[in-house]
Amino acid sequence: MHFLLSLALAAAVQPATAMLACDRIVADKQIFDFSPLRGPHSVVTTLHTPPTEQNVTYTLDLCGPLKRKGDVPKGEECPNGSWACAIKRLRAADGTTSITQVIPLAGNLADQGGGSLDHKATRLKTADSHADAQQEGVRLVLQGGRYPLDGAVKDRQNQRVIVELLCDKEREGTEGEWLVGEYEGSSYTGSVNETLKKNGFSTREDHPGERQLTREGEDPALVFGGYEIHDADGTFGTLRLTWYTKYACESIADGRRDHWGFFTWFVILVFLGTASYLIFGSWLNYNRYGATGWDALPHSDTIRDAPSMLSDWIRRLINTLQGSGSRGGYSAV
């Protein structure tokens, strides 16, 4: 009985807590496949704060938790289970560079003091906003981040990532990409800006304050849209990204639509109804008659005899089919 109850509860909560599958993101019955973009993708920003200089690397993987490579010092790595993470570096006036903050922005971090990913997908063509409806693609909201992960609740910020994947048939989605050093185990020894300038990098001027670093003459597919702290319902940090890729085009997705919705819900409802009937009947038999084990199940005799009844029915069916192929037992003359 306890097993049936656990199974029913698991089935009931499964749709709400299902893991984000990047090869099948369903938004208003439209299916998007972003698995070709699997792996970490990053934007790097700079902010001049005299006499210091701040650089932040925002890294996101739509298909799973970020994986570190190399021996990264404790406190300088993204927590296990992070799907998106921000690493802040500060260069002091004396030229020394250090990591000042590591912020898990989204992921399955409930076991570390954060929350669950709890993603939400919105098809832009059918969004309520008129501006959104003019675009083709999908908006993903990823949650579960919190900074810091431990400490007093009032001192912690919930985090989330809002990424709009927009249709651009000419882009793969990796153009102008910044390769991060955090997950290779390396670290900067000097000013990030100085290193970038030597290698032909510049900053995007279309966003005030914190600006995205890009290669000279390149228009990156993954664009930084800002990081803001909201205080409406408690402190809340939001990273906004825009991602131009052909995989957000509905024509690339072959117009696949999720036609299994009704059938899936029908099966779930039948299963839950059957499980509820068995659980309630077992509880009733236990409390009324003290029945346990198989005897507690409703129609236990029928359920117990079902295998033999099915076997007899199959045997009769086979005998009937074999008999119809003969001539009533007489051989031809």
Protein backbone atom coordinates (compact mmCIF):
# COMPACT_ATOMS: atom_id res chain seq x y z
CA MET A 1 0.00 0.00 0.00
CA HIS A 2 2.82 2.40 0.87
CA PHE A 3 4.51 1.53 -2.42
CA LEU A 4 1.36 2.41 -4.38
CA LEU A 5 1.02 5.70 -2.51
CA SER A 6 4.63 6.65 -3.24
CA LEU A 7 4.21 5.75 -6.89
CA ALA A 8 1.06 7.83 -7.21
CA LEU A 9 2.68 10.84 -5.56
CA ALA A 10 5.73 10.55 -7.79
CA ALA A 11 3.53 10.50 -10.87
CA ALA A 12 1.59 13.51 -9.65
CA VAL A 13 4.64 15.71 -9.07
CA GLN A 14 6.65 14.57 -12.07
CA PRO A 15 5.36 17.15 -14.59
CA ALA A 16 6.14 20.06 -12.26
CA THR A 17 9.66 19.00 -11.35
CA ALA A 18 10.77 17.46 -14.63
CA MET A 19 14.34 18.23 -15.62
CA LEU A 20 14.92 20.72 -18.42
CA ALA A 21 15.67 18.73 -21.60
CA CYS A 22 17.39 21.05 -24.08
CA ASP A 23 16.60 18.77 -27.02
CA ARG A 24 12.85 19.06 -26.39
CA ILE A 25 11.83 22.43 -24.98
CA VAL A 26 8.07 22.75 -25.42
CA ALA A 27 6.49 26.21 -25.53
CA ASP A 28 2.84 26.48 -26.56
CA LYS A 29 3.06 23.06 -28.26
CA GLN A 30 6.04 24.19 -30.35
CA ILE A 31 9.12 22.05 -29.81
CA PHE A 32 12.60 23.60 -29.87
CA ASP A 33 15.84 21.61 -29.96
CA PHE A 34 18.83 23.49 -28.53
CA SER A 35 21.04 20.44 -28.02
CA PRO A 36 23.52 21.66 -30.69
CA LEU A 37 24.32 24.48 -28.23
CA ARG A 38 25.20 22.01 -25.49
CA GLY A 39 28.06 23.06 -23.23
CA PRO A 40 29.10 26.26 -21.41
CA HIS A 41 28.67 29.59 -23.17
CA SER A 42 29.83 32.87 -21.68
CA VAL A 43 29.73 36.62 -21.85
CA VAL A 44 32.36 38.75 -20.12
CA THR A 45 31.61 42.27 -18.92
CA THR A 46 33.70 45.14 -17.62
CA LEU A 47 32.87 47.96 -15.24
CA HIS A 48 35.27 50.80 -14.45
CA THR A 49 35.06 51.67 -10.75
CA PRO A 50 38.03 53.96 -10.00
CA PRO A 51 40.50 53.19 -8.65
CA THR A 52 39.49 49.56 -9.30
CA GLU A 53 38.30 47.68 -12.35
CA GLN A 54 35.67 44.92 -12.26
CA ASN A 55 35.16 42.09 -14.72
CA VAL A 56 32.37 39.51 -14.56
CA THR A 57 32.12 36.24 -16.45
CA TYR A 58 28.53 35.00 -16.85
CA THR A 59 28.39 31.36 -17.94
CA LEU A 60 25.32 29.34 -18.95
CA ASP A 61 24.66 25.78 -20.11
CA LEU A 62 21.12 25.08 -21.33
CA CYS A 63 21.66 21.32 -21.29
CA GLY A 64 23.01 20.54 -17.83
CA PRO A 65 25.11 21.59 -14.85
CA LEU A 66 28.36 23.43 -15.48
CA LYS A 67 31.43 21.22 -15.24
CA ARG A 68 34.78 22.44 -14.02
CA LYS A 69 38.10 21.41 -15.52
CA GLY A 70 41.38 21.62 -13.69
CA ASP A 71 42.15 22.37 -10.07
CA VAL A 72 40.20 25.52 -9.20
CA PRO A 73 40.85 26.83 -5.67
CA LYS A 74 38.08 26.36 -3.13
CA GLY A 75 35.72 29.33 -3.12
CA GLU A 76 36.52 30.25 -6.71
CA GLU A 77 34.37 27.58 -8.39
CA CYS A 78 30.67 27.51 -9.23
CA PRO A 79 28.72 25.23 -6.85
CA ASN A 80 27.87 21.76 -8.13
CA GLY A 81 24.46 21.77 -9.75
CA SER A 82 24.78 25.30 -11.20
CA TRP A 83 23.40 25.71 -14.73
CA ALA A 84 24.34 29.39 -14.75
CA CYS A 85 26.94 31.21 -12.71
CA ALA A 86 28.65 34.59 -12.37
CA ILE A 87 32.30 35.01 -11.34
CA LYS A 88 33.41 38.54 -10.44
CA ARG A 89 37.05 39.68 -10.55
CA LEU A 90 38.44 42.89 -9.14
CA ARG A 91 41.70 44.54 -10.10
CA ALA A 92 43.00 46.79 -7.37
CA ALA A 93 45.03 49.97 -7.85
CA ASP A 94 48.26 48.05 -7.20
CA GLY A 95 47.54 45.74 -10.15
CA THR A 96 46.59 42.63 -8.18
CA THR A 97 43.57 40.67 -9.42
CA SER A 98 41.31 38.54 -7.24
CA ILE A 99 37.95 36.78 -7.40
CA THR A 100 35.53 38.62 -5.15
CA GLN A 101 32.22 36.84 -5.77
CA VAL A 102 30.95 33.55 -7.20
CA ILE A 103 27.17 33.75 -7.67
CA PRO A 104 25.11 30.66 -8.61
CA LEU A 105 22.40 32.19 -10.79
CA ALA A 106 20.33 29.10 -11.66
CA GLY A 107 20.39 25.35 -11.16
CA ASN A 108 19.32 22.52 -8.92
CA LEU A 109 20.82 23.76 -5.66
CA ALA A 110 18.20 22.85 -3.06
CA ASP A 111 20.61 20.53 -1.24
CA GLN A 112 23.07 23.42 -0.81
CA GLY A 113 20.68 26.12 0.37
CA GLY A 114 19.37 27.26 -3.00
CA GLY A 115 16.29 26.17 -4.93
CA SER A 116 15.34 24.01 -7.91
CA LEU A 117 15.72 24.91 -11.58
CA ASP A 118 11.93 25.27 -12.11
CA HIS A 119 12.26 26.43 -15.69
CA LYS A 120 9.51 28.17 -17.66
CA ALA A 121 9.37 28.38 -21.46
CA THR A 122 7.31 30.99 -23.36
CA ARG A 123 6.84 30.97 -27.11
CA LEU A 124 7.31 34.59 -28.18
CA LYS A 125 4.86 34.44 -31.10
CA THR A 126 1.99 33.73 -28.71
CA ALA A 127 3.17 35.89 -25.79
CA ASP A 128 0.82 38.50 -24.32
CA SER A 129 3.19 41.36 -25.12
CA HIS A 130 2.75 42.86 -28.59
CA ALA A 131 6.52 43.44 -28.84
CA ASP A 132 7.21 39.77 -28.06
CA ALA A 133 4.61 38.60 -30.59
CA GLN A 134 6.60 40.33 -33.35
CA GLN A 135 9.57 38.04 -32.68
CA GLU A 136 10.21 34.36 -33.31
CA GLY A 137 11.81 32.27 -30.61
CA VAL A 138 11.41 31.28 -26.99
CA ARG A 139 11.98 32.92 -23.62
CA LEU A 140 13.46 30.68 -20.93
CA VAL A 141 13.38 31.54 -17.24
CA LEU A 142 15.77 29.47 -15.12
CA GLN A 143 15.67 29.69 -11.32
CA GLY A 144 17.17 28.02 -8.27
CA GLY A 145 20.11 30.32 -7.68
CA ARG A 146 20.74 32.05 -4.38
CA TYR A 147 23.56 34.20 -3.04
CA PRO A 148 25.01 33.39 -0.68
CA LEU A 149 23.85 29.78 -0.42
CA ASP A 150 24.20 29.77 3.35
CA GLY A 151 23.67 32.29 6.11
CA ALA A 152 20.61 34.16 7.37
CA VAL A 153 17.64 34.09 4.98
CA LYS A 154 17.21 37.88 5.14
CA ASP A 155 20.77 38.35 3.90
CA ARG A 156 20.43 36.08 0.83
CA GLN A 157 19.36 37.00 -2.70
CA ASN A 158 17.28 34.71 -4.89
CA GLN A 159 18.69 34.54 -8.41
CA ARG A 160 17.34 33.76 -11.86
CA VAL A 161 18.31 33.92 -15.53
CA ILE A 162 16.02 35.15 -18.30
CA VAL A 163 17.37 34.23 -21.73
CA GLU A 164 15.55 35.05 -24.95
CA LEU A 165 16.57 32.77 -27.79
CA LEU A 166 15.68 34.63 -31.01
CA CYS A 167 15.49 33.26 -34.53
CA ASP A 168 18.44 34.18 -36.74
CA LYS A 169 18.77 31.78 -39.66
CA GLU A 170 22.30 32.98 -40.41
CA ARG A 171 23.78 32.22 -36.98
CA GLU A 172 24.71 29.02 -35.25
CA GLY A 173 24.74 30.71 -31.85
CA THR A 174 28.45 30.48 -31.09
CA GLU A 175 29.67 33.48 -33.09
CA GLY A 176 31.91 35.91 -31.20
CA GLU A 177 32.04 33.59 -28.24
CA TRP A 178 34.29 34.25 -25.28
CA LEU A 179 36.12 31.13 -24.07
CA VAL A 180 36.17 31.14 -20.29
CA GLY A 181 39.22 30.34 -18.23
CA GLU A 182 37.38 29.47 -15.00
CA TYR A 183 36.51 25.96 -16.15
CA GLU A 184 40.01 25.27 -17.42
CA GLY A 185 41.56 25.92 -14.04
CA SER A 186 43.41 29.07 -15.16
CA SER A 187 43.34 32.53 -13.62
CA TYR A 188 44.20 36.06 -14.69
CA THR A 189 47.43 37.60 -13.43
CA GLY A 190 46.76 41.16 -14.55
CA SER A 191 44.07 43.44 -15.88
CA VAL A 192 41.52 41.58 -17.98
CA ASN A 193 40.99 44.70 -20.09
CA GLU A 194 44.70 45.01 -20.85
CA THR A 195 44.81 41.35 -21.90
CA LEU A 196 41.74 41.79 -24.09
CA LYS A 197 43.03 44.92 -25.81
CA LYS A 198 46.28 43.18 -26.69
CA ASN A 199 44.22 40.44 -28.36
CA GLY A 200 41.89 42.74 -30.29
CA PHE A 201 38.93 42.98 -27.90
CA SER A 202 36.68 45.97 -27.26
CA THR A 203 33.47 46.75 -25.36
CA ARG A 204 29.89 47.02 -26.59
CA GLU A 205 28.71 50.60 -26.14
CA ASP A 206 24.97 49.86 -26.29
CA HIS A 207 24.62 49.11 -22.58
CA PRO A 208 25.48 51.71 -19.91
CA GLY A 209 27.56 50.86 -16.89
CA GLU A 210 28.52 47.18 -17.08
CA ARG A 211 29.50 46.52 -20.70
CA GLN A 212 30.07 43.33 -22.62
CA LEU A 213 33.54 42.60 -23.95
CA THR A 214 33.67 41.55 -27.61
CA ARG A 215 36.24 40.94 -30.33
CA GLU A 216 36.94 43.85 -32.65
CA GLY A 217 34.53 43.82 -35.60
CA GLU A 218 32.46 40.89 -34.31
CA ASP A 219 28.81 40.88 -33.34
CA PRO A 220 28.36 38.16 -30.70
CA ALA A 221 25.40 35.77 -30.87
CA LEU A 222 25.07 35.73 -27.07
CA VAL A 223 24.41 39.26 -25.82
CA PHE A 224 24.50 40.59 -22.26
CA GLY A 225 21.27 42.41 -21.39
CA GLY A 226 22.07 43.44 -17.85
CA TYR A 227 22.14 42.18 -14.28
CA GLU A 228 19.69 43.85 -11.91
CA ILE A 229 18.70 43.58 -8.26
CA HIS A 230 14.97 43.87 -7.57
CA ASP A 231 13.47 44.59 -4.15
CA ALA A 232 9.73 44.28 -4.85
CA ASP A 233 9.31 40.91 -3.11
CA GLY A 234 12.59 40.69 -1.29
CA THR A 235 16.00 40.98 -2.88
CA PHE A 236 16.09 39.25 -6.26
CA GLY A 237 18.94 39.18 -8.81
CA THR A 238 18.12 38.76 -12.51
CA LEU A 239 20.56 38.15 -15.37
CA ARG A 240 19.13 38.93 -18.82
CA LEU A 241 20.63 37.47 -21.98
CA THR A 242 19.64 37.54 -25.64
CA TRP A 243 20.80 34.65 -27.82
CA TYR A 244 20.58 34.79 -31.62
CA THR A 245 20.55 31.32 -33.16
CA LYS A 246 18.96 29.40 -36.02
CA TYR A 247 17.79 26.79 -33.52
CA ALA A 248 15.20 29.28 -32.25
CA CYS A 249 13.58 29.35 -35.71
CA GLU A 250 10.40 27.35 -35.92
CA SER A 251 11.22 26.31 -39.48
CA ILE A 252 14.47 24.76 -38.22
CA ALA A 253 12.44 22.92 -35.60
CA ASP A 254 10.51 21.41 -38.57
CA GLY A 255 7.27 22.77 -37.15
CA ARG A 256 7.12 19.87 -34.72
CA ARG A 257 4.21 20.23 -32.31
CA ASP A 258 3.46 18.43 -29.11
CA HIS A 259 0.41 16.31 -30.09
CA TRP A 260 0.82 13.99 -27.13
CA GLY A 261 -0.55 16.38 -24.55
CA PHE A 262 -4.11 14.97 -24.38
CA PHE A 263 -3.00 11.33 -24.53
CA THR A 264 -0.34 11.89 -21.87
CA TRP A 265 -2.79 13.55 -19.50
CA PHE A 266 -5.38 10.83 -20.19
CA VAL A 267 -2.88 8.11 -19.21
CA ILE A 268 -1.84 10.07 -16.11
CA LEU A 269 -5.46 10.58 -15.01
CA VAL A 270 -6.32 6.90 -15.56
CA PHE A 271 -3.26 5.85 -13.59
CA LEU A 272 -3.97 8.26 -10.74
CA GLY A 273 -7.62 7.22 -10.65
CA THR A 274 -6.72 3.53 -10.47
CA ALA A 275 -4.04 4.14 -7.85
CA SER A 276 -6.43 6.25 -5.76
CA TYR A 277 -9.10 3.54 -5.91
CA LEU A 278 -6.64 0.83 -4.85
CA ILE A 279 -5.17 2.97 -2.07
CA PHE A 280 -8.56 4.03 -0.69
CA GLY A 281 -9.94 0.49 -0.96
CA SER A 282 -6.88 -0.95 0.80
CA TRP A 283 -7.18 1.63 3.58
CA LEU A 284 -10.89 0.84 3.97
CA ASN A 285 -10.32 -2.93 4.12
CA TYR A 286 -7.51 -2.50 6.61
CA ASN A 287 -9.52 -0.30 8.98
CA ARG A 288 -12.82 -2.20 8.60
CA TYR A 289 -11.65 -5.80 8.43
CA GLY A 290 -8.02 -5.65 9.56
CA ALA A 291 -6.92 -7.06 6.19
CA THR A 292 -3.25 -6.85 5.27
CA GLY A 293 -1.08 -7.65 2.26
CA TRP A 294 -2.93 -8.90 -0.83
CA ASP A 295 -6.12 -9.30 1.16
CA ALA A 296 -6.27 -5.54 1.74
CA LEU A 297 -6.56 -4.77 -1.98
CA PRO A 298 -10.06 -4.36 -3.43
CA HIS A 299 -11.09 -7.44 -5.45
CA SER A 300 -7.96 -9.18 -4.20
CA ASP A 301 -9.21 -12.61 -5.36
CA THR A 302 -9.71 -11.32 -8.90
CA ILE A 303 -6.31 -9.64 -8.95
CA ARG A 304 -4.65 -12.78 -7.56
CA ASP A 305 -6.37 -14.98 -10.16
CA ALA A 306 -5.74 -12.58 -13.05
CA PRO A 307 -2.52 -14.30 -14.30
CA SER A 308 -4.14 -17.74 -14.44
CA MET A 309 -7.31 -16.32 -16.02
CA LEU A 310 -5.23 -14.58 -18.69
CA SER A 311 -3.29 -17.79 -19.31
CA ASP A 312 -6.53 -19.78 -19.73
CA TRP A 313 -7.95 -17.19 -22.12
CA ILE A 314 -4.79 -17.25 -24.27
CA ARG A 315 -4.84 -21.07 -24.31
CA ARG A 316 -8.49 -21.12 -25.45
CA LEU A 317 -7.72 -18.55 -28.14
CA ILE A 318 -4.83 -20.64 -29.46
CA ASN A 319 -6.94 -23.82 -29.45
CA THR A 320 -9.74 -22.01 -31.30
CA LEU A 321 -7.36 -20.74 -33.97
CA GLN A 322 -5.77 -24.17 -34.38
CA GLY A 323 -9.18 -25.86 -34.55
CA SER A 324 -10.43 -23.51 -37.28
CA GLY A 325 -7.50 -24.56 -39.44
CA SER A 326 -8.43 -28.27 -39.41
CA ARG A 327 -11.27 -30.15 -41.14
CA GLY A 328 -13.15 -31.16 -38.03
CA GLY A 329 -10.76 -34.03 -37.40
CA TYR A 330 -11.40 -35.82 -40.76
CA SER A 331 -8.58 -36.42 -43.17
CA ALA A 332 -8.99 -35.93 -46.91
CA VAL A 333 -9.71 -39.08 -49.00
